[in-house]
Structures are given as structure tokens and as C-alpha cells.
Amino acid sequence: MKKLLAIGITAALASGLSFAAIAQSGITREVSTAHAHAAMAQGASSVSMSHTHLHHVINCLVGPQGHGFDAAAGNPCKGQGNGALPDSANNHALHRKLQNALSDARAGLKASSLGDVHKDAAKAAAALQAGSMKSDSMKSSGS
């Protein structure tokens, strides 16, 4: 078994992947991707573009089977897991932060002024950044 793992890691490294990329869990990637899109929503120059990125945040959080998933908006977390919320169900602290981010992203979708959308996107980004730190500490502590 160890030999197969070593061969797999060697092959991945040879193809350009780093140890960090190999070790990065789906939940960490989902939260990181959602955070990136919340930040993009916060910096977008139009309500429409901000809303698009907030849809991406929601899609990453709820996953393809989740309430509010919008396939037409695109899924930047495709292949990363089942959605950060379903994937974090066993970690109550992280799950709560992600639920807060989801609420903020949904509020941003309802907002019609760019300033209000940016405020909600900033709140979602902050919650996701806090969640990202939590999922990183879980990974480094072996949880």
C-alpha cells in the first residue's frame, strides 16, 4: 500500500502537482474557491457581475444537490466535493461559518445597489476566510 502511495505521489509530482495540492482536501478547495468568488463579487464593477460571482459562492457552498444551486450560473467547485456545507456537516464550527457566508451571499443576490452587494460580498468573504482558516487548521491537525 505504501509503495502504491509513493508511486502515486511521484507521478503527481512529475506531472507538476505540489505536495500541497495533493494534500489539499475537497472542503479546503471548496471554501477557498468560494472565498475567491466572494472577493471577486466584492470587487466587481457591476451588480450583474457581482451577482454572478455570488451565485458561484452559493453553488460552491450548497453543492449540486443543494437548495439554491443554479447550474446555469456555473459551478467553479465542480469535482471538488459535494458542496462545502454538506462536506462540513461533521464540523459544527466550520459549518456555522459557512452558513453565515451563505446567508450573506444570498442577501447580496437580493441587493440591487452595487454598494449593498459589495457589503454583503465582503461579509461572505470574511466568513469564508475564517472558514478557510478553520479548514486549514483541521487539515494540519489531522482532523
N, C-alpha and C. Protein backbone atom coordinates (compact mmCIF):
# COMPACT_ATOMS: atom_id res chain seq x y z
N MET A 1 0.83 -1.19 0.00
CA MET A 1 0.00 0.00 0.00
C MET A 1 0.88 1.26 0.00
N LYS A 2 1.92 1.28 0.85
CA LYS A 2 2.80 2.44 0.90
C LYS A 2 3.51 2.64 -0.44
N LYS A 3 3.85 1.53 -1.08
CA LYS A 3 4.53 1.61 -2.37
C LYS A 3 3.61 2.25 -3.41
N LEU A 4 2.31 1.89 -3.41
CA LEU A 4 1.36 2.48 -4.34
C LEU A 4 1.20 3.97 -4.07
N LEU A 5 1.15 4.34 -2.82
CA LEU A 5 1.03 5.76 -2.46
C LEU A 5 2.26 6.52 -2.95
N ALA A 6 3.43 5.97 -2.73
CA ALA A 6 4.67 6.62 -3.17
C ALA A 6 4.70 6.76 -4.69
N ILE A 7 4.24 5.75 -5.39
CA ILE A 7 4.20 5.81 -6.86
C ILE A 7 3.22 6.90 -7.30
N GLY A 8 2.06 6.95 -6.65
CA GLY A 8 1.06 7.97 -6.99
C GLY A 8 1.56 9.37 -6.75
N ILE A 9 2.21 9.59 -5.62
CA ILE A 9 2.76 10.91 -5.30
C ILE A 9 3.86 11.29 -6.29
N THR A 10 4.73 10.34 -6.59
CA THR A 10 5.80 10.59 -7.54
C THR A 10 5.23 10.95 -8.91
N ALA A 11 4.21 10.23 -9.34
CA ALA A 11 3.60 10.53 -10.64
C ALA A 11 2.95 11.91 -10.62
N ALA A 12 2.28 12.24 -9.52
CA ALA A 12 1.64 13.55 -9.43
C ALA A 12 2.67 14.66 -9.44
N LEU A 13 3.77 14.47 -8.71
CA LEU A 13 4.82 15.48 -8.69
C LEU A 13 5.46 15.63 -10.06
N ALA A 14 5.63 14.51 -10.74
CA ALA A 14 6.22 14.56 -12.07
C ALA A 14 5.32 15.32 -13.04
N SER A 15 4.02 15.27 -12.79
CA SER A 15 3.10 15.98 -13.69
C SER A 15 2.89 17.43 -13.28
N GLY A 16 3.64 17.89 -12.26
CA GLY A 16 3.61 19.30 -11.91
C GLY A 16 2.80 19.64 -10.67
N LEU A 17 2.23 18.68 -9.99
CA LEU A 17 1.48 18.97 -8.78
C LEU A 17 2.42 19.08 -7.58
N SER A 18 2.09 19.93 -6.64
CA SER A 18 2.89 20.05 -5.43
C SER A 18 2.30 19.17 -4.34
N PHE A 19 3.07 18.94 -3.28
CA PHE A 19 2.55 18.20 -2.13
C PHE A 19 1.33 18.90 -1.56
N ALA A 20 1.33 20.23 -1.54
CA ALA A 20 0.18 20.97 -1.01
C ALA A 20 -1.06 20.68 -1.83
N ALA A 21 -0.92 20.62 -3.14
CA ALA A 21 -2.08 20.33 -3.99
C ALA A 21 -2.58 18.91 -3.76
N ILE A 22 -1.66 17.99 -3.54
CA ILE A 22 -2.05 16.60 -3.30
C ILE A 22 -2.77 16.49 -1.96
N ALA A 23 -2.29 17.19 -0.96
CA ALA A 23 -2.84 17.08 0.38
C ALA A 23 -4.12 17.89 0.57
N GLN A 24 -4.35 18.87 -0.29
CA GLN A 24 -5.49 19.76 -0.10
C GLN A 24 -6.78 18.99 -0.25
N SER A 25 -7.61 19.05 0.78
CA SER A 25 -8.86 18.31 0.77
C SER A 25 -9.91 19.05 -0.04
N GLY A 26 -10.98 18.34 -0.38
CA GLY A 26 -12.08 18.93 -1.12
C GLY A 26 -12.70 20.10 -0.38
N ILE A 27 -12.91 19.97 0.92
CA ILE A 27 -13.53 21.04 1.68
C ILE A 27 -12.67 22.29 1.65
N THR A 28 -11.38 22.14 1.77
CA THR A 28 -10.48 23.29 1.73
C THR A 28 -10.55 23.97 0.37
N ARG A 29 -10.57 23.18 -0.67
CA ARG A 29 -10.66 23.75 -2.03
C ARG A 29 -12.00 24.43 -2.26
N GLU A 30 -13.07 23.81 -1.78
CA GLU A 30 -14.40 24.42 -1.96
C GLU A 30 -14.49 25.76 -1.24
N VAL A 31 -14.01 25.81 -0.01
CA VAL A 31 -14.05 27.06 0.76
C VAL A 31 -13.15 28.10 0.11
N SER A 32 -11.98 27.69 -0.33
CA SER A 32 -11.05 28.61 -0.98
C SER A 32 -11.64 29.17 -2.28
N THR A 33 -12.27 28.31 -3.07
CA THR A 33 -12.88 28.76 -4.32
C THR A 33 -14.05 29.70 -4.04
N ALA A 34 -14.87 29.35 -3.05
CA ALA A 34 -16.00 30.22 -2.69
C ALA A 34 -15.48 31.58 -2.21
N HIS A 35 -14.41 31.57 -1.41
CA HIS A 35 -13.83 32.81 -0.92
C HIS A 35 -13.34 33.67 -2.09
N ALA A 36 -12.68 33.05 -3.05
CA ALA A 36 -12.18 33.79 -4.21
C ALA A 36 -13.33 34.46 -4.96
N HIS A 37 -14.44 33.76 -5.10
CA HIS A 37 -15.57 34.34 -5.83
C HIS A 37 -16.29 35.40 -5.01
N ALA A 38 -16.30 35.26 -3.69
CA ALA A 38 -16.86 36.34 -2.85
C ALA A 38 -16.01 37.60 -3.00
N ALA A 39 -14.70 37.42 -3.04
CA ALA A 39 -13.81 38.57 -3.23
C ALA A 39 -14.01 39.18 -4.62
N MET A 40 -14.22 38.34 -5.63
CA MET A 40 -14.49 38.86 -6.97
C MET A 40 -15.82 39.62 -6.99
N ALA A 41 -16.81 39.12 -6.28
CA ALA A 41 -18.10 39.81 -6.20
C ALA A 41 -17.92 41.16 -5.51
N GLN A 42 -17.09 41.19 -4.50
CA GLN A 42 -16.83 42.42 -3.76
C GLN A 42 -16.15 43.46 -4.64
N GLY A 43 -15.33 43.03 -5.58
CA GLY A 43 -14.58 43.96 -6.42
C GLY A 43 -15.18 44.19 -7.79
N ALA A 44 -16.29 43.53 -8.10
CA ALA A 44 -16.89 43.66 -9.43
C ALA A 44 -17.40 45.07 -9.67
N SER A 45 -17.40 45.46 -10.92
CA SER A 45 -17.79 46.84 -11.26
C SER A 45 -19.27 46.98 -11.61
N SER A 46 -20.02 45.88 -11.57
CA SER A 46 -21.45 45.96 -11.86
C SER A 46 -22.22 45.02 -10.94
N VAL A 47 -23.46 45.34 -10.71
CA VAL A 47 -24.33 44.47 -9.90
C VAL A 47 -24.43 43.10 -10.55
N SER A 48 -24.58 43.08 -11.86
CA SER A 48 -24.72 41.82 -12.59
C SER A 48 -23.51 40.90 -12.38
N MET A 49 -22.32 41.46 -12.50
CA MET A 49 -21.12 40.64 -12.33
C MET A 49 -20.97 40.20 -10.87
N SER A 50 -21.29 41.09 -9.94
CA SER A 50 -21.26 40.71 -8.52
C SER A 50 -22.22 39.57 -8.25
N HIS A 51 -23.42 39.66 -8.82
CA HIS A 51 -24.41 38.60 -8.63
C HIS A 51 -23.92 37.27 -9.21
N THR A 52 -23.27 37.33 -10.36
CA THR A 52 -22.73 36.10 -10.96
C THR A 52 -21.75 35.43 -10.01
N HIS A 53 -20.84 36.21 -9.44
CA HIS A 53 -19.86 35.62 -8.52
C HIS A 53 -20.52 35.14 -7.22
N LEU A 54 -21.56 35.84 -6.76
CA LEU A 54 -22.27 35.36 -5.57
C LEU A 54 -23.00 34.05 -5.85
N HIS A 55 -23.50 33.87 -7.07
CA HIS A 55 -24.07 32.57 -7.45
C HIS A 55 -23.01 31.48 -7.36
N HIS A 56 -21.79 31.81 -7.77
CA HIS A 56 -20.69 30.84 -7.69
C HIS A 56 -20.41 30.49 -6.23
N VAL A 57 -20.43 31.49 -5.36
CA VAL A 57 -20.24 31.24 -3.92
C VAL A 57 -21.30 30.27 -3.43
N ILE A 58 -22.55 30.56 -3.76
CA ILE A 58 -23.65 29.71 -3.31
C ILE A 58 -23.50 28.30 -3.85
N ASN A 59 -23.17 28.18 -5.13
CA ASN A 59 -23.00 26.86 -5.72
C ASN A 59 -21.89 26.06 -5.04
N CYS A 60 -20.80 26.72 -4.71
CA CYS A 60 -19.71 26.04 -4.01
C CYS A 60 -20.12 25.62 -2.60
N LEU A 61 -20.94 26.43 -1.97
CA LEU A 61 -21.35 26.12 -0.60
C LEU A 61 -22.40 25.02 -0.53
N VAL A 62 -23.43 25.11 -1.36
CA VAL A 62 -24.53 24.14 -1.25
C VAL A 62 -24.28 22.87 -2.03
N GLY A 63 -23.46 22.94 -3.06
CA GLY A 63 -23.20 21.76 -3.89
C GLY A 63 -24.33 21.52 -4.87
N PRO A 64 -24.09 20.63 -5.85
CA PRO A 64 -25.04 20.41 -6.94
C PRO A 64 -26.41 19.89 -6.50
N GLN A 65 -26.48 19.28 -5.34
CA GLN A 65 -27.76 18.76 -4.85
C GLN A 65 -28.42 19.69 -3.84
N GLY A 66 -27.79 20.83 -3.57
CA GLY A 66 -28.26 21.71 -2.51
C GLY A 66 -29.31 22.72 -2.93
N HIS A 67 -30.00 23.23 -1.93
CA HIS A 67 -31.04 24.24 -2.15
C HIS A 67 -30.38 25.53 -2.65
N GLY A 68 -30.86 26.01 -3.78
CA GLY A 68 -30.34 27.25 -4.33
C GLY A 68 -29.25 27.06 -5.36
N PHE A 69 -28.84 25.81 -5.61
CA PHE A 69 -27.82 25.57 -6.63
C PHE A 69 -28.38 25.98 -7.98
N ASP A 70 -27.60 26.73 -8.75
CA ASP A 70 -28.02 27.22 -10.06
C ASP A 70 -26.98 26.80 -11.09
N ALA A 71 -27.26 25.71 -11.77
CA ALA A 71 -26.32 25.19 -12.77
C ALA A 71 -26.05 26.20 -13.88
N ALA A 72 -27.05 27.00 -14.20
CA ALA A 72 -26.88 27.98 -15.28
C ALA A 72 -25.84 29.03 -14.92
N ALA A 73 -25.63 29.27 -13.63
CA ALA A 73 -24.64 30.27 -13.19
C ALA A 73 -23.22 29.74 -13.29
N GLY A 74 -23.06 28.43 -13.37
CA GLY A 74 -21.73 27.82 -13.42
C GLY A 74 -21.33 27.30 -12.06
N ASN A 75 -20.47 26.31 -12.07
CA ASN A 75 -20.03 25.70 -10.82
C ASN A 75 -18.50 25.62 -10.78
N PRO A 76 -17.86 26.65 -10.24
CA PRO A 76 -16.40 26.63 -10.18
C PRO A 76 -15.85 25.56 -9.23
N CYS A 77 -16.71 24.96 -8.44
CA CYS A 77 -16.27 23.91 -7.50
C CYS A 77 -16.54 22.51 -8.02
N LYS A 78 -16.91 22.40 -9.29
CA LYS A 78 -17.20 21.08 -9.86
C LYS A 78 -15.99 20.16 -9.67
N GLY A 79 -16.27 18.97 -9.15
CA GLY A 79 -15.22 17.99 -8.94
C GLY A 79 -14.45 18.15 -7.64
N GLN A 80 -14.77 19.18 -6.84
CA GLN A 80 -14.03 19.41 -5.60
C GLN A 80 -14.69 18.73 -4.40
N GLY A 81 -15.94 18.36 -4.53
CA GLY A 81 -16.67 17.73 -3.43
C GLY A 81 -18.16 17.86 -3.66
N ASN A 82 -18.92 17.68 -2.59
CA ASN A 82 -20.37 17.71 -2.68
C ASN A 82 -20.96 19.05 -2.26
N GLY A 83 -20.11 20.04 -2.09
CA GLY A 83 -20.51 21.34 -1.57
C GLY A 83 -19.89 21.50 -0.19
N ALA A 84 -19.41 22.69 0.10
CA ALA A 84 -18.71 22.90 1.38
C ALA A 84 -19.62 22.65 2.57
N LEU A 85 -20.89 23.03 2.48
CA LEU A 85 -21.80 22.80 3.61
C LEU A 85 -22.06 21.31 3.84
N PRO A 86 -22.47 20.55 2.82
CA PRO A 86 -22.64 19.12 3.08
C PRO A 86 -21.34 18.44 3.53
N ASP A 87 -20.23 18.87 2.97
CA ASP A 87 -18.95 18.24 3.30
C ASP A 87 -18.45 18.62 4.70
N SER A 88 -19.00 19.69 5.27
CA SER A 88 -18.56 20.12 6.61
C SER A 88 -19.56 19.78 7.69
N ALA A 89 -20.53 18.93 7.39
CA ALA A 89 -21.62 18.63 8.33
C ALA A 89 -21.11 18.12 9.69
N ASN A 90 -19.97 17.48 9.72
CA ASN A 90 -19.44 16.93 10.97
C ASN A 90 -18.60 17.93 11.76
N ASN A 91 -18.38 19.09 11.21
CA ASN A 91 -17.59 20.13 11.89
C ASN A 91 -18.51 21.31 12.14
N HIS A 92 -19.11 21.35 13.34
CA HIS A 92 -20.16 22.33 13.62
C HIS A 92 -19.67 23.78 13.54
N ALA A 93 -18.47 24.05 14.02
CA ALA A 93 -17.96 25.43 13.99
C ALA A 93 -17.76 25.90 12.55
N LEU A 94 -17.14 25.09 11.73
CA LEU A 94 -16.94 25.43 10.32
C LEU A 94 -18.27 25.54 9.61
N HIS A 95 -19.14 24.59 9.85
CA HIS A 95 -20.45 24.57 9.20
C HIS A 95 -21.22 25.88 9.49
N ARG A 96 -21.16 26.33 10.72
CA ARG A 96 -21.84 27.57 11.12
C ARG A 96 -21.28 28.77 10.35
N LYS A 97 -19.95 28.84 10.23
CA LYS A 97 -19.33 29.95 9.48
C LYS A 97 -19.74 29.91 8.01
N LEU A 98 -19.82 28.71 7.46
CA LEU A 98 -20.22 28.58 6.06
C LEU A 98 -21.69 28.93 5.87
N GLN A 99 -22.52 28.60 6.84
CA GLN A 99 -23.93 29.00 6.77
C GLN A 99 -24.06 30.52 6.81
N ASN A 100 -23.24 31.16 7.62
CA ASN A 100 -23.24 32.63 7.66
C ASN A 100 -22.83 33.20 6.31
N ALA A 101 -21.81 32.62 5.70
CA ALA A 101 -21.37 33.08 4.38
C ALA A 101 -22.48 32.89 3.35
N LEU A 102 -23.19 31.77 3.44
CA LEU A 102 -24.29 31.51 2.52
C LEU A 102 -25.39 32.56 2.69
N SER A 103 -25.72 32.88 3.93
CA SER A 103 -26.74 33.92 4.19
C SER A 103 -26.32 35.26 3.61
N ASP A 104 -25.04 35.60 3.78
CA ASP A 104 -24.54 36.87 3.24
C ASP A 104 -24.57 36.87 1.71
N ALA A 105 -24.19 35.75 1.09
CA ALA A 105 -24.22 35.67 -0.37
C ALA A 105 -25.65 35.78 -0.89
N ARG A 106 -26.58 35.13 -0.22
CA ARG A 106 -27.99 35.22 -0.63
C ARG A 106 -28.52 36.63 -0.47
N ALA A 107 -28.12 37.31 0.61
CA ALA A 107 -28.54 38.71 0.81
C ALA A 107 -28.00 39.58 -0.31
N GLY A 108 -26.76 39.32 -0.72
CA GLY A 108 -26.16 40.08 -1.82
C GLY A 108 -26.89 39.89 -3.13
N LEU A 109 -27.42 38.68 -3.35
CA LEU A 109 -28.19 38.44 -4.57
C LEU A 109 -29.49 39.23 -4.58
N LYS A 110 -30.03 39.51 -3.41
CA LYS A 110 -31.28 40.27 -3.32
C LYS A 110 -31.04 41.78 -3.41
N ALA A 111 -29.82 42.21 -3.14
CA ALA A 111 -29.50 43.64 -3.16
C ALA A 111 -29.47 44.15 -4.59
N SER A 112 -29.89 45.40 -4.75
CA SER A 112 -29.92 45.96 -6.10
C SER A 112 -28.90 47.08 -6.32
N SER A 113 -28.35 47.62 -5.25
CA SER A 113 -27.32 48.65 -5.43
C SER A 113 -25.95 48.00 -5.30
N LEU A 114 -25.02 48.49 -6.09
CA LEU A 114 -23.67 47.91 -6.08
C LEU A 114 -23.04 48.01 -4.70
N GLY A 115 -23.25 49.11 -4.01
CA GLY A 115 -22.70 49.27 -2.67
C GLY A 115 -23.21 48.20 -1.71
N ASP A 116 -24.51 47.93 -1.76
CA ASP A 116 -25.09 46.91 -0.89
C ASP A 116 -24.60 45.51 -1.25
N VAL A 117 -24.50 45.23 -2.55
CA VAL A 117 -23.98 43.93 -2.99
C VAL A 117 -22.55 43.76 -2.51
N HIS A 118 -21.73 44.80 -2.64
CA HIS A 118 -20.35 44.75 -2.19
C HIS A 118 -20.26 44.51 -0.69
N LYS A 119 -21.14 45.15 0.10
CA LYS A 119 -21.12 44.94 1.55
C LYS A 119 -21.42 43.49 1.90
N ASP A 120 -22.44 42.92 1.26
CA ASP A 120 -22.77 41.52 1.54
C ASP A 120 -21.68 40.57 1.05
N ALA A 121 -21.09 40.89 -0.09
CA ALA A 121 -19.99 40.06 -0.61
C ALA A 121 -18.79 40.12 0.34
N ALA A 122 -18.53 41.29 0.91
CA ALA A 122 -17.42 41.43 1.86
C ALA A 122 -17.68 40.60 3.11
N LYS A 123 -18.93 40.59 3.58
CA LYS A 123 -19.28 39.77 4.75
C LYS A 123 -19.09 38.28 4.43
N ALA A 124 -19.55 37.88 3.25
CA ALA A 124 -19.38 36.48 2.84
C ALA A 124 -17.90 36.13 2.74
N ALA A 125 -17.11 37.02 2.16
CA ALA A 125 -15.67 36.76 2.02
C ALA A 125 -15.01 36.62 3.39
N ALA A 126 -15.40 37.48 4.34
CA ALA A 126 -14.81 37.40 5.69
C ALA A 126 -15.18 36.08 6.36
N ALA A 127 -16.44 35.68 6.24
CA ALA A 127 -16.86 34.40 6.84
C ALA A 127 -16.14 33.23 6.19
N LEU A 128 -15.96 33.30 4.88
CA LEU A 128 -15.26 32.23 4.17
C LEU A 128 -13.78 32.21 4.50
N GLN A 129 -13.19 33.38 4.69
CA GLN A 129 -11.78 33.42 5.08
C GLN A 129 -11.62 32.79 6.46
N ALA A 130 -12.52 33.09 7.37
CA ALA A 130 -12.49 32.48 8.71
C ALA A 130 -12.70 30.97 8.58
N GLY A 131 -13.60 30.56 7.69
CA GLY A 131 -13.82 29.14 7.46
C GLY A 131 -12.64 28.46 6.83
N SER A 132 -11.95 29.18 5.94
CA SER A 132 -10.77 28.64 5.29
C SER A 132 -9.67 28.39 6.31
N MET A 133 -9.51 29.32 7.24
CA MET A 133 -8.51 29.14 8.30
C MET A 133 -8.86 27.94 9.16
N LYS A 134 -10.15 27.75 9.43
CA LYS A 134 -10.59 26.63 10.24
C LYS A 134 -10.33 25.32 9.52
N SER A 135 -10.65 25.25 8.20
CA SER A 135 -10.43 24.01 7.47
C SER A 135 -8.94 23.74 7.30
N ASP A 136 -8.11 24.80 7.20
CA ASP A 136 -6.67 24.61 7.14
C ASP A 136 -6.13 24.05 8.45
N SER A 137 -6.65 24.53 9.57
CA SER A 137 -6.17 24.03 10.87
C SER A 137 -6.64 22.61 11.07
N MET A 138 -7.81 22.24 10.54
CA MET A 138 -8.26 20.86 10.63
C MET A 138 -7.30 19.96 9.86
N LYS A 139 -6.89 20.43 8.68
CA LYS A 139 -6.01 19.65 7.84
C LYS A 139 -4.65 19.46 8.52
N SER A 140 -4.12 20.53 9.09
CA SER A 140 -2.79 20.43 9.68
C SER A 140 -2.79 19.68 10.99
N SER A 141 -3.97 19.61 11.68
CA SER A 141 -4.01 18.86 12.92
C SER A 141 -4.42 17.43 12.70
N GLY A 142 -4.70 17.08 11.43
CA GLY A 142 -5.04 15.71 11.11
C GLY A 142 -6.51 15.40 11.30
N SER A 143 -7.35 16.41 11.53
CA SER A 143 -8.78 16.18 11.72
C SER A 143 -9.47 15.98 10.40
